[in-house]
C-alpha atoms as a PDB file:
ATOM      1  CA  MET A   1       0.053   0.081  -0.024  1.00  0.00           C
ATOM      2  CA  LYS A   2       1.405   3.402  -0.940  1.00  0.00           C
ATOM      3  CA  GLU A   3       2.094   5.561   2.057  1.00  0.00           C
ATOM      4  CA  GLU A   4       0.375   8.859   2.121  1.00  0.00           C
ATOM      5  CA  LYS A   5       2.496  11.921   2.351  1.00  0.00           C
ATOM      6  CA  PHE A   6       1.819  13.946   5.723  1.00  0.00           C
ATOM      7  CA  ILE A   7       0.562  17.398   4.986  1.00  0.00           C
ATOM      8  CA  ASP A   8       1.176  19.900   7.860  1.00  0.00           C
ATOM      9  CA  PRO A   9      -2.175  21.442   8.553  1.00  0.00           C
ATOM     10  CA  TYR A  10      -0.423  24.523   9.847  1.00  0.00           C
ATOM     11  CA  ALA A  11       1.392  24.921   6.519  1.00  0.00           C
ATOM     12  CA  THR A  12      -1.831  24.949   4.495  1.00  0.00           C
ATOM     13  CA  LEU A  13      -2.938  27.997   6.558  1.00  0.00           C
ATOM     14  CA  GLY A  14       0.309  29.868   5.898  1.00  0.00           C
ATOM     15  CA  VAL A  15       1.625  29.233   9.466  1.00  0.00           C
ATOM     16  CA  SER A  16       4.923  27.582  10.500  1.00  0.00           C
ATOM     17  CA  SER A  17       4.331  25.065  13.341  1.00  0.00           C
ATOM     18  CA  LYS A  18       8.138  24.598  13.814  1.00  0.00           C
ATOM     19  CA  LYS A  19       9.286  28.246  13.196  1.00  0.00           C
ATOM     20  CA  GLU A  20      12.205  27.197  11.248  1.00  0.00           C
ATOM     21  CA  GLY A  21      12.734  30.782  10.105  1.00  0.00           C
ATOM     22  CA  VAL A  22      12.816  32.135  13.569  1.00  0.00           C
ATOM     23  CA  HIS A  23      15.350  29.652  14.702  1.00  0.00           C
ATOM     24  CA  LYS A  24      17.511  30.370  11.734  1.00  0.00           C
ATOM     25  CA  ALA A  25      17.337  34.109  12.318  1.00  0.00           C
ATOM     26  CA  THR A  26      18.176  33.819  16.101  1.00  0.00           C
ATOM     27  CA  LYS A  27      20.723  30.908  16.082  1.00  0.00           C
ATOM     28  CA  ASN A  28      23.684  33.247  16.497  1.00  0.00           C
ATOM     29  CA  LEU A  29      22.226  35.614  19.008  1.00  0.00           C
ATOM     30  CA  SER A  30      22.920  35.460  22.698  1.00  0.00           C
ATOM     31  CA  LYS A  31      20.866  33.029  24.746  1.00  0.00           C
ATOM     32  CA  GLY A  32      21.152  35.154  27.796  1.00  0.00           C
ATOM     33  CA  LEU A  33      22.676  34.369  31.231  1.00  0.00           C
ATOM     34  CA  TYR A  34      20.953  30.866  31.469  1.00  0.00           C
ATOM     35  CA  PRO A  35      21.001  29.285  27.990  1.00  0.00           C
ATOM     36  CA  GLY A  36      19.054  26.414  29.251  1.00  0.00           C
ATOM     37  CA  ALA A  37      16.165  28.439  30.695  1.00  0.00           C
ATOM     38  CA  PHE A  38      12.742  28.573  29.123  1.00  0.00           C
ATOM     39  CA  CYS A  39      12.856  32.360  28.707  1.00  0.00           C
ATOM     40  CA  GLN A  40      15.896  34.442  27.980  1.00  0.00           C
ATOM     41  CA  ILE A  41      17.266  35.907  31.195  1.00  0.00           C
ATOM     42  CA  VAL A  42      19.408  39.092  31.148  1.00  0.00           C
ATOM     43  CA  PRO A  43      21.378  41.194  33.849  1.00  0.00           C
ATOM     44  CA  VAL A  44      19.765  43.878  35.742  1.00  0.00           C
ATOM     45  CA  ALA A  45      20.853  47.479  34.978  1.00  0.00           C
ATOM     46  CA  ALA A  46      24.555  48.214  35.408  1.00  0.00           C
ATOM     47  CA  SER A  47      23.724  51.340  37.317  1.00  0.00           C
ATOM     48  CA  LEU A  48      22.225  49.461  40.182  1.00  0.00           C
ATOM     49  CA  PRO A  49      24.279  48.636  43.336  1.00  0.00           C
ATOM     50  CA  GLU A  50      26.685  45.852  43.189  1.00  0.00           C
ATOM     51  CA  ASP A  51      24.851  43.575  45.595  1.00  0.00           C
ATOM     52  CA  VAL A  52      21.629  43.961  43.484  1.00  0.00           C
ATOM     53  CA  ARG A  53      23.664  42.948  40.254  1.00  0.00           C
ATOM     54  CA  ASN A  54      25.181  40.005  42.028  1.00  0.00           C
ATOM     55  CA  ASN A  55      21.931  38.598  43.254  1.00  0.00           C
ATOM     56  CA  PHE A  56      19.238  39.486  40.736  1.00  0.00           C
ATOM     57  CA  VAL A  57      18.556  39.008  37.081  1.00  0.00           C
ATOM     58  CA  GLN A  58      15.782  40.331  34.786  1.00  0.00           C
ATOM     59  CA  ILE A  59      13.314  38.639  32.388  1.00  0.00           C
ATOM     60  CA  ILE A  60      11.512  40.692  29.678  1.00  0.00           C
ATOM     61  CA  HIS A  61       8.985  38.673  27.705  1.00  0.00           C
ATOM     62  CA  SER A  62       6.573  39.472  24.796  1.00  0.00           C
ATOM     63  CA  ASP A  63       3.604  37.554  23.483  1.00  0.00           C
ATOM     64  CA  GLY A  64      -0.036  38.129  22.525  1.00  0.00           C
ATOM     65  CA  VAL A  65      -3.312  36.529  21.603  1.00  0.00           C
ATOM     66  CA  GLY A  66      -2.515  36.247  17.889  1.00  0.00           C
ATOM     67  CA  THR A  67      -5.637  35.352  15.875  1.00  0.00           C
ATOM     68  CA  LYS A  68      -7.817  34.760  18.967  1.00  0.00           C
ATOM     69  CA  SER A  69      -8.751  38.375  18.532  1.00  0.00           C
ATOM     70  CA  ASN A  70     -10.676  37.341  15.462  1.00  0.00           C
ATOM     71  CA  VAL A  71     -12.904  35.022  17.455  1.00  0.00           C
ATOM     72  CA  ALA A  72     -14.084  37.986  19.486  1.00  0.00           C
ATOM     73  CA  TYR A  73     -14.429  39.972  16.257  1.00  0.00           C
ATOM     74  CA  LEU A  74     -16.725  37.202  14.773  1.00  0.00           C
ATOM     75  CA  ALA A  75     -18.767  37.156  17.866  1.00  0.00           C
ATOM     76  CA  ILE A  76     -19.363  40.932  17.536  1.00  0.00           C
ATOM     77  CA  LYS A  77     -20.267  40.547  13.914  1.00  0.00           C
ATOM     78  CA  GLU A  78     -22.715  37.767  14.692  1.00  0.00           C
ATOM     79  CA  GLY A  79     -24.538  39.879  17.186  1.00  0.00           C
ATOM     80  CA  LEU A  80     -23.253  38.412  20.505  1.00  0.00           C
ATOM     81  CA  GLY A  81     -21.940  41.853  21.697  1.00  0.00           C
ATOM     82  CA  ASN A  82     -18.404  42.966  22.420  1.00  0.00           C
ATOM     83  CA  HIS A  83     -18.102  41.635  26.028  1.00  0.00           C
ATOM     84  CA  PHE A  84     -15.821  38.987  24.723  1.00  0.00           C
ATOM     85  CA  LEU A  85     -13.140  41.559  24.302  1.00  0.00           C
ATOM     86  CA  ARG A  86     -12.687  41.664  27.983  1.00  0.00           C
ATOM     87  CA  THR A  87     -11.250  38.143  27.862  1.00  0.00           C
ATOM     88  CA  LEU A  88      -8.496  38.923  25.439  1.00  0.00           C
ATOM     89  CA  PRO A  89      -6.224  40.832  27.959  1.00  0.00           C
ATOM     90  CA  GLN A  90      -6.296  37.773  30.108  1.00  0.00           C
ATOM     91  CA  ASP A  91      -4.888  35.589  27.408  1.00  0.00           C
ATOM     92  CA  ALA A  92      -2.356  38.193  26.350  1.00  0.00           C
ATOM     93  CA  VAL A  93      -0.998  38.358  29.944  1.00  0.00           C
ATOM     94  CA  VAL A  94      -1.142  34.621  30.605  1.00  0.00           C
ATOM     95  CA  MET A  95       0.706  33.898  27.382  1.00  0.00           C
ATOM     96  CA  ASN A  96       3.615  35.806  29.029  1.00  0.00           C
ATOM     97  CA  THR A  97       3.200  34.737  32.654  1.00  0.00           C
ATOM     98  CA  ASP A  98       3.079  30.951  31.891  1.00  0.00           C
ATOM     99  CA  ASP A  99       6.381  31.186  30.122  1.00  0.00           C
ATOM    100  CA  MET A 100       7.864  33.268  32.915  1.00  0.00           C
ATOM    101  CA  ALA A 101       6.660  30.791  35.425  1.00  0.00           C
ATOM    102  CA  CYS A 102       8.833  28.216  33.805  1.00  0.00           C
ATOM    103  CA  VAL A 103      11.898  30.149  34.789  1.00  0.00           C
ATOM    104  CA  GLY A 104      10.662  30.755  38.338  1.00  0.00           C
ATOM    105  CA  VAL A 105       8.861  34.012  38.117  1.00  0.00           C
ATOM    106  CA  THR A 106       5.428  33.902  39.730  1.00  0.00           C
ATOM    107  CA  ASN A 107       4.728  37.425  41.166  1.00  0.00           C
ATOM    108  CA  ASP A 108       5.524  41.159  40.894  1.00  0.00           C
ATOM    109  CA  ILE A 109       5.265  41.398  37.122  1.00  0.00           C
ATOM    110  CA  TYR A 110       5.093  44.729  35.213  1.00  0.00           C
ATOM    111  CA  ILE A 111       2.692  44.540  32.238  1.00  0.00           C
ATOM    112  CA  SER A 112       2.840  46.914  29.268  1.00  0.00           C
ATOM    113  CA  ASN A 113       0.103  46.279  26.607  1.00  0.00           C
ATOM    114  CA  HIS A 114      -0.156  47.159  22.907  1.00  0.00           C
ATOM    115  CA  ILE A 115      -3.407  47.378  20.969  1.00  0.00           C
ATOM    116  CA  ALA A 116      -3.253  47.563  17.258  1.00  0.00           C
ATOM    117  CA  ARG A 117      -6.700  48.034  15.483  1.00  0.00           C
ATOM    118  CA  ASN A 118      -8.357  48.889  12.385  1.00  0.00           C
ATOM    119  CA  ALA A 119     -10.519  51.738  13.669  1.00  0.00           C
ATOM    120  CA  ASN A 120     -13.125  51.295  10.957  1.00  0.00           C
ATOM    121  CA  ARG A 121     -14.001  47.907  12.442  1.00  0.00           C
ATOM    122  CA  ILE A 122     -12.984  48.141  16.068  1.00  0.00           C
ATOM    123  CA  ASP A 123     -14.607  51.229  17.542  1.00  0.00           C
ATOM    124  CA  ASP A 124     -13.908  53.095  20.732  1.00  0.00           C
ATOM    125  CA  ASP A 125     -16.477  51.254  22.771  1.00  0.00           C
ATOM    126  CA  ALA A 126     -14.632  47.987  21.896  1.00  0.00           C
ATOM    127  CA  LEU A 127     -11.333  49.688  22.883  1.00  0.00           C
ATOM    128  CA  VAL A 128     -12.847  50.496  26.318  1.00  0.00           C
ATOM    129  CA  GLU A 129     -13.689  46.811  26.840  1.00  0.00           C
ATOM    130  CA  ILE A 130     -10.123  45.633  25.995  1.00  0.00           C
ATOM    131  CA  ILE A 131      -8.550  48.185  28.189  1.00  0.00           C
ATOM    132  CA  GLN A 132     -10.976  47.424  31.088  1.00  0.00           C
ATOM    133  CA  GLY A 133     -10.218  43.786  30.747  1.00  0.00           C
ATOM    134  CA  TYR A 134      -6.681  44.466  31.872  1.00  0.00           C
ATOM    135  CA  SER A 135      -7.941  46.179  34.946  1.00  0.00           C
ATOM    136  CA  ASP A 136     -10.526  43.440  35.790  1.00  0.00           C
ATOM    137  CA  LEU A 137      -7.633  40.895  35.533  1.00  0.00           C
ATOM    138  CA  PHE A 138      -5.151  42.735  37.663  1.00  0.00           C
ATOM    139  CA  GLU A 139      -7.881  43.116  40.338  1.00  0.00           C
ATOM    140  CA  ARG A 140      -8.921  39.479  40.343  1.00  0.00           C
ATOM    141  CA  LEU A 141      -5.287  38.329  40.574  1.00  0.00           C
ATOM    142  CA  GLY A 142      -4.417  40.797  43.272  1.00  0.00           C
ATOM    143  CA  LYS A 143      -7.006  39.254  45.459  1.00  0.00           C
ATOM    144  CA  LEU A 144      -5.157  36.003  45.096  1.00  0.00           C
ATOM    145  CA  GLY A 145      -1.834  37.605  46.195  1.00  0.00           C
ATOM    146  CA  ILE A 146      -0.500  37.890  42.561  1.00  0.00           C
ATOM    147  CA  ASN A 147       0.731  41.412  41.862  1.00  0.00           C
ATOM    148  CA  LEU A 148       0.681  42.487  38.251  1.00  0.00           C
ATOM    149  CA  TYR A 149       1.538  46.275  37.776  1.00  0.00           C
ATOM    150  CA  ASN A 150       0.075  48.304  35.050  1.00  0.00           C
ATOM    151  CA  ALA A 151       3.000  49.815  33.153  1.00  0.00           C
ATOM    152  CA  GLY A 152       0.806  51.557  30.562  1.00  0.00           C
ATOM    153  CA  GLY A 153       0.890  50.774  26.852  1.00  0.00           C
ATOM    154  CA  GLU A 154       0.161  52.015  23.287  1.00  0.00           C
ATOM    155  CA  THR A 155      -2.979  52.009  21.120  1.00  0.00           C
ATOM    156  CA  ALA A 156      -2.321  52.394  17.384  1.00  0.00           C
ATOM    157  CA  ASP A 157      -4.789  52.806  14.657  1.00  0.00           C
ATOM    158  CA  VAL A 158      -2.996  50.945  11.905  1.00  0.00           C
ATOM    159  CA  GLY A 159      -5.724  49.823   9.487  1.00  0.00           C
ATOM    160  CA  SER A 160      -3.115  49.626   6.731  1.00  0.00           C
ATOM    161  CA  TYR A 161      -1.602  46.422   8.290  1.00  0.00           C
ATOM    162  CA  THR A 162      -4.281  44.840  10.457  1.00  0.00           C
ATOM    163  CA  THR A 163      -7.814  44.114   9.190  1.00  0.00           C
ATOM    164  CA  THR A 164      -9.183  43.698  12.814  1.00  0.00           C
ATOM    165  CA  MET A 165      -6.961  44.043  15.809  1.00  0.00           C
ATOM    166  CA  GLY A 166      -3.890  42.725  17.636  1.00  0.00           C
ATOM    167  CA  ILE A 167      -3.582  42.377  21.409  1.00  0.00           C
ATOM    168  CA  ASP A 168      -0.023  42.022  22.689  1.00  0.00           C
ATOM    169  CA  VAL A 169       1.842  42.316  25.997  1.00  0.00           C
ATOM    170  CA  THR A 170       5.417  42.927  27.189  1.00  0.00           C
ATOM    171  CA  ALA A 171       5.980  41.533  30.740  1.00  0.00           C
ATOM    172  CA  CYS A 172       8.936  42.325  32.893  1.00  0.00           C
ATOM    173  CA  ALA A 173      10.133  40.977  36.283  1.00  0.00           C
ATOM    174  CA  THR A 174      13.182  40.792  38.382  1.00  0.00           C
ATOM    175  CA  ILE A 175      14.123  37.508  40.168  1.00  0.00           C
ATOM    176  CA  ASN A 176      16.782  36.372  42.568  1.00  0.00           C
ATOM    177  CA  LYS A 177      19.415  34.199  41.075  1.00  0.00           C
ATOM    178  CA  SER A 178      18.725  31.558  43.531  1.00  0.00           C
ATOM    179  CA  GLU A 179      15.181  31.095  42.399  1.00  0.00           C
ATOM    180  CA  VAL A 180      15.929  30.819  38.819  1.00  0.00           C
ATOM    181  CA  ILE A 181      14.806  27.535  37.080  1.00  0.00           C
ATOM    182  CA  ASP A 182      17.391  26.487  34.513  1.00  0.00           C
ATOM    183  CA  CYS A 183      16.357  23.506  32.463  1.00  0.00           C
ATOM    184  CA  SER A 184      19.897  22.550  31.803  1.00  0.00           C
ATOM    185  CA  ASN A 185      20.187  21.742  35.481  1.00  0.00           C
ATOM    186  CA  VAL A 186      17.278  19.206  35.480  1.00  0.00           C
ATOM    187  CA  LYS A 187      18.496  15.875  36.848  1.00  0.00           C
ATOM    188  CA  PRO A 188      17.199  12.282  36.958  1.00  0.00           C
ATOM    189  CA  GLY A 189      14.676  11.840  39.707  1.00  0.00           C
ATOM    190  CA  GLU A 190      13.285  15.445  39.442  1.00  0.00           C
ATOM    191  CA  TYR A 191       9.926  16.118  38.118  1.00  0.00           C
ATOM    192  CA  ILE A 192       8.471  18.329  35.361  1.00  0.00           C
ATOM    193  CA  VAL A 193       4.851  19.514  36.345  1.00  0.00           C
ATOM    194  CA  GLY A 194       2.328  20.249  33.574  1.00  0.00           C
ATOM    195  CA  LEU A 195      -0.878  22.004  34.137  1.00  0.00           C
ATOM    196  CA  SER A 196      -3.900  21.548  31.905  1.00  0.00           C
ATOM    197  CA  SER A 197      -5.202  24.659  30.220  1.00  0.00           C
ATOM    198  CA  TYR A 198      -8.880  23.582  30.230  1.00  0.00           C
ATOM    199  CA  GLY A 199     -11.348  23.844  33.086  1.00  0.00           C
ATOM    200  CA  GLN A 200     -11.577  26.798  35.527  1.00  0.00           C
ATOM    201  CA  SER A 201      -8.837  28.429  37.367  1.00  0.00           C
ATOM    202  CA  THR A 202      -9.363  30.401  40.642  1.00  0.00           C
ATOM    203  CA  TYR A 203      -8.952  33.620  38.834  1.00  0.00           C
ATOM    204  CA  GLU A 204     -11.429  32.778  36.000  1.00  0.00           C
ATOM    205  CA  ASN A 205     -15.233  33.625  36.198  1.00  0.00           C
ATOM    206  CA  LYS A 206     -16.277  30.561  34.281  1.00  0.00           C
ATOM    207  CA  GLU A 207     -14.919  27.308  32.674  1.00  0.00           C
ATOM    208  CA  ASN A 208     -12.840  27.647  29.634  1.00  0.00           C
ATOM    209  CA  SER A 209     -12.480  25.314  26.591  1.00  0.00           C
ATOM    210  CA  GLY A 210      -8.749  24.920  26.935  1.00  0.00           C
ATOM    211  CA  VAL A 211      -8.230  26.274  23.472  1.00  0.00           C
ATOM    212  CA  ARG A 212      -5.870  29.163  24.423  1.00  0.00           C
ATOM    213  CA  SER A 213      -3.783  31.424  22.074  1.00  0.00           C
ATOM    214  CA  ASN A 214      -1.350  28.761  20.956  1.00  0.00           C
ATOM    215  CA  GLY A 215      -2.590  27.180  17.698  1.00  0.00           C
ATOM    216  CA  LEU A 216      -5.779  29.310  17.380  1.00  0.00           C
ATOM    217  CA  THR A 217      -5.328  29.862  13.666  1.00  0.00           C
ATOM    218  CA  LEU A 218      -5.516  26.091  13.207  1.00  0.00           C
ATOM    219  CA  ALA A 219      -8.537  25.667  15.811  1.00  0.00           C
ATOM    220  CA  ILE A 220     -10.510  28.536  14.208  1.00  0.00           C
ATOM    221  CA  ASN A 221     -10.159  27.269  10.652  1.00  0.00           C
ATOM    222  CA  THR A 222     -10.613  23.566  11.432  1.00  0.00           C
ATOM    223  CA  LEU A 223     -13.681  24.063  13.738  1.00  0.00           C
ATOM    224  CA  LEU A 224     -15.711  26.994  12.481  1.00  0.00           C
ATOM    225  CA  HIS A 225     -18.435  26.733   9.770  1.00  0.00           C
ATOM    226  CA  PRO A 226     -17.720  27.791   6.098  1.00  0.00           C
ATOM    227  CA  ASP A 227     -20.372  30.530   6.536  1.00  0.00           C
ATOM    228  CA  TYR A 228     -17.778  32.506   8.256  1.00  0.00           C
ATOM    229  CA  ARG A 229     -15.920  32.928   4.924  1.00  0.00           C
ATOM    230  CA  LYS A 230     -18.197  36.013   4.253  1.00  0.00           C
ATOM    231  CA  TYR A 231     -15.991  37.774   6.811  1.00  0.00           C
ATOM    232  CA  LYS A 232     -12.971  38.321   4.425  1.00  0.00           C
ATOM    233  CA  GLU A 233     -11.274  40.578   6.982  1.00  0.00           C
ATOM    234  CA  VAL A 234     -10.475  37.509   9.291  1.00  0.00           C
ATOM    235  CA  MET A 235      -9.177  35.522   6.343  1.00  0.00           C
ATOM    236  CA  ASP A 236      -5.605  35.284   5.009  1.00  0.00           C
ATOM    237  CA  GLN A 237      -6.144  36.286   1.416  1.00  0.00           C
ATOM    238  CA  THR A 238      -2.979  34.382   0.410  1.00  0.00           C
ATOM    239  CA  VAL A 239      -4.442  31.062   1.542  1.00  0.00           C
ATOM    240  CA  ASN A 240      -6.670  28.769  -0.487  1.00  0.00           C
ATOM    241  CA  GLU A 241     -10.278  29.468   0.705  1.00  0.00           C
ATOM    242  CA  GLU A 242     -11.057  25.679   0.950  1.00  0.00           C
ATOM    243  CA  ASN A 243      -8.726  25.376   3.870  1.00  0.00           C
ATOM    244  CA  LEU A 244     -10.389  28.100   5.843  1.00  0.00           C
ATOM    245  CA  PHE A 245     -13.510  27.374   7.995  1.00  0.00           C
ATOM    246  CA  VAL A 246     -14.085  23.773   7.176  1.00  0.00           C
ATOM    247  CA  ARG A 247     -16.209  22.389  10.071  1.00  0.00           C
ATOM    248  CA  LYS A 248     -19.608  22.878  11.460  1.00  0.00           C
ATOM    249  CA  ILE A 249     -19.436  24.928  14.635  1.00  0.00           C
ATOM    250  CA  SER A 250     -21.302  28.264  14.623  1.00  0.00           C
ATOM    251  CA  PHE A 251     -21.768  30.933  17.395  1.00  0.00           C
ATOM    252  CA  ARG A 252     -24.965  30.394  19.330  1.00  0.00           C
ATOM    253  CA  ARG A 253     -27.286  33.356  19.017  1.00  0.00           C
END
C-alpha cells in the first residue's frame, strides 16, 4: 500500500508550526545568562548597586493573543456583543506569565500592553472593553496575592496592516538568581509538572475550553463553519479558501 504523504495542517494555513525561520534568524544571538532556561534571562541594569547586580536578574517577555482576537471579532459581527473583548487581555497576559513561571517568576510582574486596531472595524467602545479587561484581570489576581503592575501601553490605529485588531503584551520582572529555574540543571529523579489549560482556574469567572492562544489559527479554521468565509477581514487572502473554516461549529445566538 502506498504511504500517504503527511500534510502539515499549519502549513496549509500559511503558518509555521516549527518556526524554522525564527530559529535560523536567532541561532547566532545570545541566549542570555541561562541558555538552558525557558525564557531568556538578562542582567539587571549596570547602574544598580553591586549587591543587586550580584543577586538578581531580569526577564523581559513578549507575546500576544494572535488570531484569537478574530474570534471575538466574529462574535461581535454575529450579534453576540463586544463583551468577549474583555477576555483577550487575560490571554495576552497569561501567554507571558506562563512562560515566565517556567523560569521561576510567579509574582510582581510589570505589564505593558499594545493594541493595534483597524478603527473602521474596532470602535472606541470595543477599545474600552479591551482596556478594562486588563484592570479586571489585575484586580482578580491581586485578590489572590499575585501582583501585576500596569506599566501603561500603546494604542495604534493601523488599518493599513491589520484588518481587525492585535492584542499584545510585554512583561518584565526581576528574580533572585537563587530562584531561577534552569532547564539545563534538570537531573534524573526530578519532576516536570504540567498544568492543563482547560477547566476553570481560581482567577477565572467561568470554565474555559482549553483552547488558548497557541494554535488558534488552526483551531479557528478547522472548527468553524464555512459561513464565516463571508468575513473576508479575518481570512488570510494568500491562503486557499477551501482550507479556511471547514467544519460545522457556529456561534450560538
